[in-house]
Amino acid sequence: GADESVLGRTISLNAVAWIVVGVLPPGIEFPDGIVLGASDVFMPIQPTPGEFEDRGSHPGITAIGRLADGRSIDEMRAEMDALAQSLAETYPCTNAKSGVMMRDAIGVATGDLRRPLGFLAGAVGLLLLAAVGNVAGLGLTRTVSRAKEWGVRSALGANPRHVLGQVGMEYLVLGVVAIALGLWGSFMLLPRLATWPPVADTGLSGAVGWPEVMVGLGIGLVATLMVAAAPLVRALGASYTSVSGTRVTAPVRAREVLVASQLALATVLVVSAATLGRSMLRIYAEDGGIRPESTSVFRLSLPEAEYPTQEETLLFYRELQERLVGLPGVESVGGISTLPFSGAGAQSGMLASESPNAEPVRTDVNVVTEDYFATAGVELK
């Protein structure tokens, strides 16, 4: 949306002229693709002749629909399953083992981030509870140390509400300062954290808006109330306080509970961190059967307008491979249609026998050059 003057202009993409008919507004980002990143340009679907005439063809098109008011995705999933079953009965050769997979847009956009973000939110919650318990324990100790002060005030006729008001105001000021520092740290650190390479690749935004501020305020106020609860109850317990001394049996028991709670939460965090660390070490130790060291990868797609035939495309790739092998420091060069672990792929129908009644079986297919396995460090038996 930076320049709306491009409307009506003609641009060249892959040696083909296109007319710009629309510009997306700022802030609109579609989910990243399986192999490529987020799209910068959207072009109309132009199937090649005969591409959609074959029912066994899978050109890789995803349909997007908006549910009507009052309709649920489960209802639509049931209708689509019934439609798929009808197609399977009408076209058993191509649709007998095919179905429809429906997912909500939020699930597609976030992908596998829901579980990591949920785990992170749980860890942050446990850390917050441990901090609340720690501050509450310190506050309770401070309140106990002022027991004689409360006793003197009570003996001089101080109203218990005044005592509670003073203690509550002290923790309210403490909570306001802590919330202000936390929000300031969020505004300062989160945008910078979003530009950190490991985080930037996930597409997460570091922008802090009013919804995040309101959530932070709510959590901060709840934490302040939790921190002030034990000291307020202790200050209210005038029966435990006297001018000559203080019976601290109940406060000591409360502090023991807080300490035990902190140790339990800390243990959970340590065990969780150890489990996560072990999982990460296993992921880094797993090579998937290839040797990625000292390898470079790039993706290449030839414009159909300049390479219309298969022979021209094959000739280009052969010449490119020969020139890359001749570069200084290059030991071998290999090519593959879809990179390993990318989540993408292609399928093709195959016949298991030459029988005229044999049904085609669809299987995943990956096309490689003759030197790919040697370049990837895969040992063929």
Protein backbone atom coordinates (compact mmCIF):
# COMPACT_ATOMS: atom_id res chain seq x y z
CA GLY A 1 0.00 0.00 0.00
CA ALA A 2 2.99 2.34 -0.19
CA ASP A 3 2.32 3.60 -3.73
CA GLU A 4 -1.21 3.51 -5.13
CA SER A 5 -0.06 5.23 -8.32
CA VAL A 6 0.96 1.84 -9.71
CA LEU A 7 -2.70 1.13 -10.52
CA GLY A 8 -3.06 0.60 -14.23
CA ARG A 9 0.67 0.27 -14.85
CA THR A 10 2.13 -2.59 -16.84
CA ILE A 11 4.92 -4.54 -15.16
CA SER A 12 7.01 -7.46 -16.40
CA LEU A 13 7.23 -10.64 -14.35
CA ASN A 14 9.06 -13.65 -15.75
CA ALA A 15 9.09 -12.00 -19.18
CA VAL A 16 5.27 -11.67 -19.14
CA ALA A 17 3.44 -8.33 -19.09
CA TRP A 18 0.88 -7.82 -16.32
CA ILE A 19 -1.44 -4.91 -15.53
CA VAL A 20 -1.73 -3.84 -11.87
CA VAL A 21 -5.44 -3.79 -10.97
CA GLY A 22 -5.26 -3.42 -7.18
CA VAL A 23 -3.03 -2.60 -4.24
CA LEU A 24 -3.43 -4.23 -0.83
CA PRO A 25 -3.81 -1.88 2.16
CA PRO A 26 -0.92 -1.53 4.63
CA GLY A 27 -0.55 -4.25 7.24
CA ILE A 28 -2.14 -7.03 5.16
CA GLU A 29 0.15 -10.06 5.13
CA PHE A 30 -0.83 -13.50 3.97
CA PRO A 31 0.76 -16.57 5.59
CA ASP A 32 4.12 -17.65 4.22
CA GLY A 33 4.14 -20.40 1.64
CA ILE A 34 5.51 -23.87 2.20
CA VAL A 35 8.64 -23.30 0.15
CA LEU A 36 8.74 -19.53 -0.41
CA GLY A 37 8.15 -16.64 1.94
CA ALA A 38 5.25 -14.22 2.06
CA SER A 39 3.83 -13.20 -1.33
CA ASP A 40 4.60 -9.76 -2.74
CA VAL A 41 2.52 -10.10 -5.91
CA PHE A 42 -0.74 -11.94 -6.62
CA MET A 43 -1.49 -13.12 -10.15
CA PRO A 44 -4.63 -14.75 -11.56
CA ILE A 45 -4.63 -18.51 -12.03
CA GLN A 46 -3.87 -19.40 -15.64
CA PRO A 47 -3.89 -23.18 -16.07
CA THR A 48 -2.15 -24.61 -19.07
CA PRO A 49 -4.33 -26.28 -21.72
CA GLY A 50 -5.60 -29.61 -20.49
CA GLU A 51 -4.24 -29.14 -16.95
CA PHE A 52 -7.69 -29.21 -15.33
CA GLU A 53 -9.21 -31.67 -17.80
CA ASP A 54 -7.41 -34.60 -16.17
CA ARG A 55 -9.17 -35.46 -12.90
CA GLY A 56 -5.96 -36.94 -11.56
CA SER A 57 -4.12 -33.63 -11.91
CA HIS A 58 -3.18 -31.82 -8.71
CA PRO A 59 -2.02 -28.31 -9.67
CA GLY A 60 -1.64 -27.29 -6.03
CA ILE A 61 -4.55 -24.88 -5.60
CA THR A 62 -6.03 -24.12 -2.19
CA ALA A 63 -9.62 -22.93 -1.90
CA ILE A 64 -10.54 -20.24 0.62
CA GLY A 65 -14.12 -19.76 1.77
CA ARG A 66 -16.01 -17.64 4.28
CA LEU A 67 -18.65 -19.30 6.41
CA ALA A 68 -22.10 -17.77 6.54
CA ASP A 69 -23.41 -16.47 9.84
CA GLY A 70 -24.55 -19.31 12.06
CA ARG A 71 -22.59 -21.98 10.20
CA SER A 72 -19.75 -23.87 11.86
CA ILE A 73 -16.69 -25.42 10.30
CA ASP A 74 -17.83 -28.85 11.53
CA GLU A 75 -21.06 -28.52 9.53
CA MET A 76 -19.18 -27.52 6.42
CA ARG A 77 -16.68 -30.33 6.96
CA ALA A 78 -19.56 -32.83 7.08
CA GLU A 79 -21.03 -31.42 3.84
CA MET A 80 -17.67 -31.53 2.08
CA ASP A 81 -17.12 -35.13 3.25
CA ALA A 82 -20.49 -36.06 1.76
CA LEU A 83 -19.52 -34.33 -1.51
CA ALA A 84 -16.19 -36.15 -1.58
CA GLN A 85 -17.97 -39.46 -1.04
CA SER A 86 -20.32 -38.70 -3.95
CA LEU A 87 -17.36 -37.89 -6.21
CA ALA A 88 -15.62 -41.10 -5.14
CA GLU A 89 -18.67 -43.12 -6.19
CA THR A 90 -18.92 -41.29 -9.52
CA TYR A 91 -15.19 -41.29 -10.31
CA PRO A 92 -13.69 -44.27 -8.44
CA CYS A 93 -10.43 -44.27 -10.41
CA THR A 94 -9.36 -40.79 -9.32
CA ASN A 95 -11.45 -39.99 -6.22
CA ALA A 96 -11.81 -43.32 -4.42
CA LYS A 97 -9.09 -42.49 -1.93
CA SER A 98 -9.39 -38.70 -1.97
CA GLY A 99 -11.11 -36.49 0.56
CA VAL A 100 -11.41 -32.91 1.70
CA MET A 101 -9.32 -31.33 4.46
CA MET A 102 -10.73 -28.16 6.03
CA ARG A 103 -8.90 -25.96 8.51
CA ASP A 104 -9.70 -22.62 10.08
CA ALA A 105 -7.72 -19.63 8.86
CA ILE A 106 -6.21 -18.92 12.28
CA GLY A 107 -4.82 -22.44 12.47
CA VAL A 108 -3.31 -22.11 8.99
CA ALA A 109 -1.79 -18.71 9.82
CA THR A 110 -0.24 -19.73 13.14
CA GLY A 111 0.61 -23.28 12.12
CA ASP A 112 2.78 -25.01 14.70
CA LEU A 113 3.24 -21.84 16.76
CA ARG A 114 0.25 -22.55 19.01
CA ARG A 115 1.98 -25.18 21.12
CA PRO A 116 5.31 -23.32 21.51
CA LEU A 117 3.48 -20.10 22.39
CA GLY A 118 1.26 -21.99 24.85
CA PHE A 119 4.32 -23.57 26.44
CA LEU A 120 6.02 -20.17 26.64
CA ALA A 121 2.93 -18.59 28.17
CA GLY A 122 2.78 -21.36 30.77
CA ALA A 123 6.44 -20.88 31.65
CA VAL A 124 5.93 -17.12 31.97
CA GLY A 125 2.90 -17.74 34.20
CA LEU A 126 4.88 -20.04 36.50
CA LEU A 127 7.70 -17.51 36.66
CA LEU A 128 5.18 -14.79 37.54
CA LEU A 129 3.69 -16.94 40.31
CA ALA A 130 7.18 -17.61 41.70
CA ALA A 131 7.94 -13.89 41.67
CA VAL A 132 4.60 -13.12 43.34
CA GLY A 133 5.33 -15.66 46.05
CA ASN A 134 8.80 -14.25 46.59
CA VAL A 135 7.61 -10.64 46.91
CA ALA A 136 4.67 -11.71 49.08
CA GLY A 137 7.08 -13.53 51.41
CA LEU A 138 9.29 -10.45 51.68
CA GLY A 139 6.23 -8.29 52.32
CA LEU A 140 4.99 -10.65 55.00
CA THR A 141 8.37 -10.58 56.72
CA ARG A 142 8.36 -6.79 56.65
CA THR A 143 4.83 -6.71 58.06
CA VAL A 144 5.82 -9.04 60.92
CA SER A 145 8.80 -6.81 61.72
CA ARG A 146 6.36 -3.91 62.09
CA ALA A 147 4.04 -5.82 64.43
CA LYS A 148 4.97 -3.67 67.42
CA GLU A 149 4.26 -0.55 65.36
CA TRP A 150 0.76 -1.84 64.57
CA GLY A 151 0.31 -2.74 68.25
CA VAL A 152 1.28 0.74 69.42
CA ARG A 153 -1.07 2.34 66.92
CA SER A 154 -3.90 0.06 67.97
CA ALA A 155 -3.24 0.86 71.65
CA LEU A 156 -3.37 4.57 70.82
CA GLY A 157 -6.76 4.08 69.22
CA ALA A 158 -5.84 3.74 65.55
CA ASN A 159 -8.64 2.40 63.41
CA PRO A 160 -7.79 -0.98 61.73
CA ARG A 161 -9.03 0.47 58.48
CA HIS A 162 -6.31 3.11 58.64
CA VAL A 163 -3.69 0.40 59.10
CA LEU A 164 -5.05 -1.55 56.18
CA GLY A 165 -5.22 1.62 54.09
CA GLN A 166 -1.57 2.39 54.76
CA VAL A 167 -0.41 -1.14 53.93
CA GLY A 168 -2.63 -1.26 50.86
CA MET A 169 -1.36 2.11 49.61
CA GLU A 170 2.25 0.97 50.00
CA TYR A 171 1.65 -2.11 47.84
CA LEU A 172 -0.46 -0.12 45.39
CA VAL A 173 2.45 2.26 44.80
CA LEU A 174 4.78 -0.73 44.49
CA GLY A 175 2.43 -2.34 41.94
CA VAL A 176 2.01 0.86 39.89
CA VAL A 177 5.78 1.34 39.69
CA ALA A 178 6.31 -2.31 38.71
CA ILE A 179 3.58 -2.16 36.03
CA ALA A 180 5.00 1.08 34.62
CA LEU A 181 8.50 -0.39 34.43
CA GLY A 182 7.13 -3.57 32.84
CA LEU A 183 5.20 -1.68 30.15
CA TRP A 184 8.18 0.56 29.46
CA GLY A 185 10.38 -2.51 29.08
CA SER A 186 7.83 -4.05 26.70
CA PHE A 187 7.75 -0.97 24.48
CA MET A 188 11.56 -0.82 24.43
CA LEU A 189 12.52 -4.50 24.13
CA LEU A 190 9.79 -6.28 22.14
CA PRO A 191 10.30 -4.36 18.85
CA ARG A 192 14.02 -5.07 19.08
CA LEU A 193 13.38 -8.72 19.94
CA ALA A 194 11.19 -9.08 16.83
CA THR A 195 14.19 -8.14 14.65
CA TRP A 196 16.40 -10.84 16.21
CA PRO A 197 17.06 -13.34 13.39
CA PRO A 198 15.69 -16.46 15.15
CA VAL A 199 12.47 -14.58 15.97
CA ALA A 200 12.25 -12.57 12.75
CA ASP A 201 11.99 -15.78 10.71
CA THR A 202 8.76 -16.73 12.53
CA GLY A 203 6.91 -13.62 11.36
CA LEU A 204 5.91 -12.63 14.90
CA SER A 205 5.28 -8.93 15.42
CA GLY A 206 6.87 -6.98 18.24
CA ALA A 207 4.36 -4.14 18.10
CA VAL A 208 2.69 -3.31 21.42
CA GLY A 209 -0.82 -1.89 21.10
CA TRP A 210 -3.69 -1.05 23.40
CA PRO A 211 -4.91 -4.68 23.73
CA GLU A 212 -1.49 -5.75 24.96
CA VAL A 213 -1.32 -2.75 27.32
CA MET A 214 -4.73 -3.58 28.81
CA VAL A 215 -3.75 -7.23 29.30
CA GLY A 216 -0.52 -6.13 30.97
CA LEU A 217 -2.41 -3.77 33.26
CA GLY A 218 -4.87 -6.50 34.20
CA ILE A 219 -2.17 -9.05 34.96
CA GLY A 220 -0.20 -6.43 36.91
CA LEU A 221 -3.18 -5.50 39.07
CA VAL A 222 -3.97 -9.16 39.79
CA ALA A 223 -0.32 -9.78 40.72
CA THR A 224 -0.38 -6.71 43.00
CA LEU A 225 -3.46 -8.02 44.81
CA MET A 226 -1.84 -11.44 45.20
CA VAL A 227 1.33 -9.88 46.60
CA ALA A 228 -0.58 -7.66 49.04
CA ALA A 229 -2.96 -10.39 50.24
CA ALA A 230 -0.70 -11.99 52.86
CA PRO A 231 0.62 -8.70 54.36
CA LEU A 232 -2.92 -7.27 54.52
CA VAL A 233 -4.21 -10.35 56.33
CA ARG A 234 -1.26 -10.16 58.73
CA ALA A 235 -1.82 -6.46 59.40
CA LEU A 236 -5.49 -7.16 60.03
CA GLY A 237 -4.69 -9.86 62.59
CA ALA A 238 -4.53 -7.58 65.59
CA SER A 239 -5.03 -10.55 67.90
CA TYR A 240 -1.48 -11.67 67.13
CA THR A 241 0.07 -8.32 68.02
CA SER A 242 0.63 -6.61 71.33
CA VAL A 243 2.81 -3.85 72.64
CA SER A 244 5.07 -6.20 74.59
CA GLY A 245 5.55 -8.86 71.92
CA THR A 246 4.21 -10.69 68.94
CA ARG A 247 3.03 -14.25 68.44
CA VAL A 248 4.20 -15.12 64.94
CA THR A 249 2.96 -18.69 64.64
CA ALA A 250 0.51 -17.90 61.82
CA PRO A 251 2.90 -15.61 59.87
CA VAL A 252 5.67 -18.19 60.11
CA ARG A 253 3.33 -20.86 58.76
CA ALA A 254 2.29 -18.52 55.93
CA ARG A 255 5.90 -17.85 55.04
CA GLU A 256 6.62 -21.58 55.01
CA VAL A 257 3.74 -22.10 52.59
CA LEU A 258 5.05 -19.33 50.34
CA VAL A 259 8.59 -20.74 50.39
CA ALA A 260 7.32 -24.23 49.62
CA SER A 261 5.22 -22.86 46.75
CA GLN A 262 8.22 -21.02 45.31
CA LEU A 263 10.35 -24.17 45.48
CA ALA A 264 7.62 -26.20 43.78
CA LEU A 265 7.22 -23.65 40.97
CA ALA A 266 10.98 -23.36 40.55
CA THR A 267 11.23 -27.16 40.32
CA VAL A 268 8.57 -27.23 37.61
CA LEU A 269 10.42 -24.54 35.65
CA VAL A 270 13.78 -26.31 35.98
CA VAL A 271 12.34 -29.67 34.90
CA SER A 272 10.52 -28.05 31.97
CA ALA A 273 13.66 -26.17 30.91
CA ALA A 274 15.70 -29.38 31.10
CA THR A 275 13.13 -31.25 29.01
CA LEU A 276 13.04 -28.47 26.42
CA GLY A 277 16.84 -28.31 26.33
CA ARG A 278 17.10 -32.06 25.81
CA SER A 279 14.56 -31.88 22.98
CA MET A 280 16.50 -29.06 21.32
CA LEU A 281 19.75 -31.02 21.58
CA ARG A 282 18.08 -34.01 19.94
CA ILE A 283 16.78 -31.81 17.12
CA TYR A 284 20.21 -30.31 16.49
CA ALA A 285 21.85 -33.73 16.67
CA GLU A 286 19.47 -35.20 14.07
CA ASP A 287 20.87 -34.77 10.56
CA GLY A 288 18.05 -36.51 8.70
CA GLY A 289 20.51 -38.64 6.76
CA ILE A 290 22.22 -35.72 5.01
CA ARG A 291 25.35 -33.65 5.71
CA PRO A 292 24.43 -29.95 5.58
CA GLU A 293 27.93 -28.75 6.46
CA SER A 294 29.62 -26.53 3.84
CA THR A 295 26.57 -26.61 1.57
CA SER A 296 24.70 -23.71 0.01
CA VAL A 297 21.13 -23.84 -1.26
CA PHE A 298 19.23 -21.59 -3.64
CA ARG A 299 15.96 -21.90 -5.51
CA LEU A 300 15.62 -21.32 -9.23
CA SER A 301 12.49 -21.08 -11.36
CA LEU A 302 12.70 -20.44 -15.09
CA PRO A 303 10.17 -18.18 -16.85
CA GLU A 304 7.99 -20.25 -19.12
CA ALA A 305 7.93 -17.49 -21.73
CA GLU A 306 11.69 -17.83 -22.32
CA TYR A 307 11.90 -21.60 -21.84
CA PRO A 308 8.68 -22.94 -23.31
CA THR A 309 9.86 -26.49 -24.02
CA GLN A 310 11.20 -29.21 -21.75
CA GLU A 311 14.30 -29.60 -23.91
CA GLU A 312 15.28 -25.95 -23.43
CA THR A 313 14.74 -26.23 -19.67
CA LEU A 314 16.89 -29.37 -19.39
CA LEU A 315 19.65 -27.79 -21.47
CA PHE A 316 19.72 -24.74 -19.20
CA TYR A 317 20.03 -26.84 -16.02
CA ARG A 318 22.80 -29.00 -17.54
CA GLU A 319 24.82 -25.95 -18.54
CA LEU A 320 24.22 -24.33 -15.15
CA GLN A 321 25.42 -27.42 -13.31
CA GLU A 322 28.57 -27.61 -15.44
CA ARG A 323 29.39 -23.96 -14.80
CA LEU A 324 28.80 -24.29 -11.03
CA VAL A 325 31.02 -27.37 -10.81
CA GLY A 326 33.79 -25.42 -12.51
CA LEU A 327 33.80 -22.69 -9.86
CA PRO A 328 36.82 -22.63 -7.49
CA GLY A 329 36.13 -24.43 -4.22
CA VAL A 330 33.05 -26.27 -5.47
CA GLU A 331 33.33 -30.04 -5.15
CA SER A 332 29.93 -31.15 -6.45
CA VAL A 333 26.54 -29.77 -7.45
CA GLY A 334 23.17 -31.47 -7.20
CA GLY A 335 19.59 -30.49 -7.78
CA ILE A 336 16.26 -31.59 -6.34
CA SER A 337 12.69 -30.56 -7.10
CA THR A 338 11.74 -30.09 -3.42
CA LEU A 339 14.17 -29.55 -0.55
CA PRO A 340 14.11 -32.08 2.32
CA PHE A 341 12.10 -31.12 5.42
CA SER A 342 10.36 -28.28 3.57
CA GLY A 343 6.92 -29.88 3.95
CA ALA A 344 6.18 -29.56 0.23
CA GLY A 345 6.18 -32.16 -2.50
CA ALA A 346 4.50 -33.53 -5.57
CA GLN A 347 2.50 -36.65 -6.34
CA SER A 348 2.13 -38.82 -9.39
CA GLY A 349 -0.04 -41.78 -10.33
CA MET A 350 1.69 -45.09 -10.90
CA LEU A 351 0.55 -48.56 -11.93
CA ALA A 352 1.78 -51.41 -9.75
CA SER A 353 1.36 -53.94 -12.60
CA GLU A 354 0.67 -54.06 -16.33
CA SER A 355 -2.76 -55.56 -15.80
CA PRO A 356 -5.50 -53.57 -17.60
CA ASN A 357 -7.59 -53.71 -14.40
CA ALA A 358 -4.84 -52.34 -12.20
CA GLU A 359 -5.76 -49.18 -10.32
CA PRO A 360 -3.26 -46.30 -10.29
CA VAL A 361 -1.59 -45.61 -6.98
CA ARG A 362 -0.66 -42.04 -6.08
CA THR A 363 2.73 -41.66 -4.48
CA ASP A 364 5.08 -38.84 -3.54
CA VAL A 365 7.70 -38.08 -6.16
CA ASN A 366 10.90 -36.03 -5.87
CA VAL A 367 13.07 -35.48 -8.93
CA VAL A 368 16.87 -35.25 -8.44
CA THR A 369 19.96 -34.92 -10.60
CA GLU A 370 22.55 -37.69 -10.77
CA ASP A 371 24.92 -35.95 -8.33
CA TYR A 372 22.36 -34.90 -5.74
CA PHE A 373 22.90 -37.72 -3.22
CA ALA A 374 26.69 -37.36 -3.35
CA THR A 375 26.39 -33.60 -2.84
CA ALA A 376 23.97 -34.06 0.09
CA GLY A 377 26.28 -36.65 1.67
CA VAL A 378 23.78 -39.49 1.37
CA GLU A 379 25.37 -42.91 1.03
CA LEU A 380 23.48 -45.17 -1.34
CA LYS A 381 23.61 -48.88 -0.57
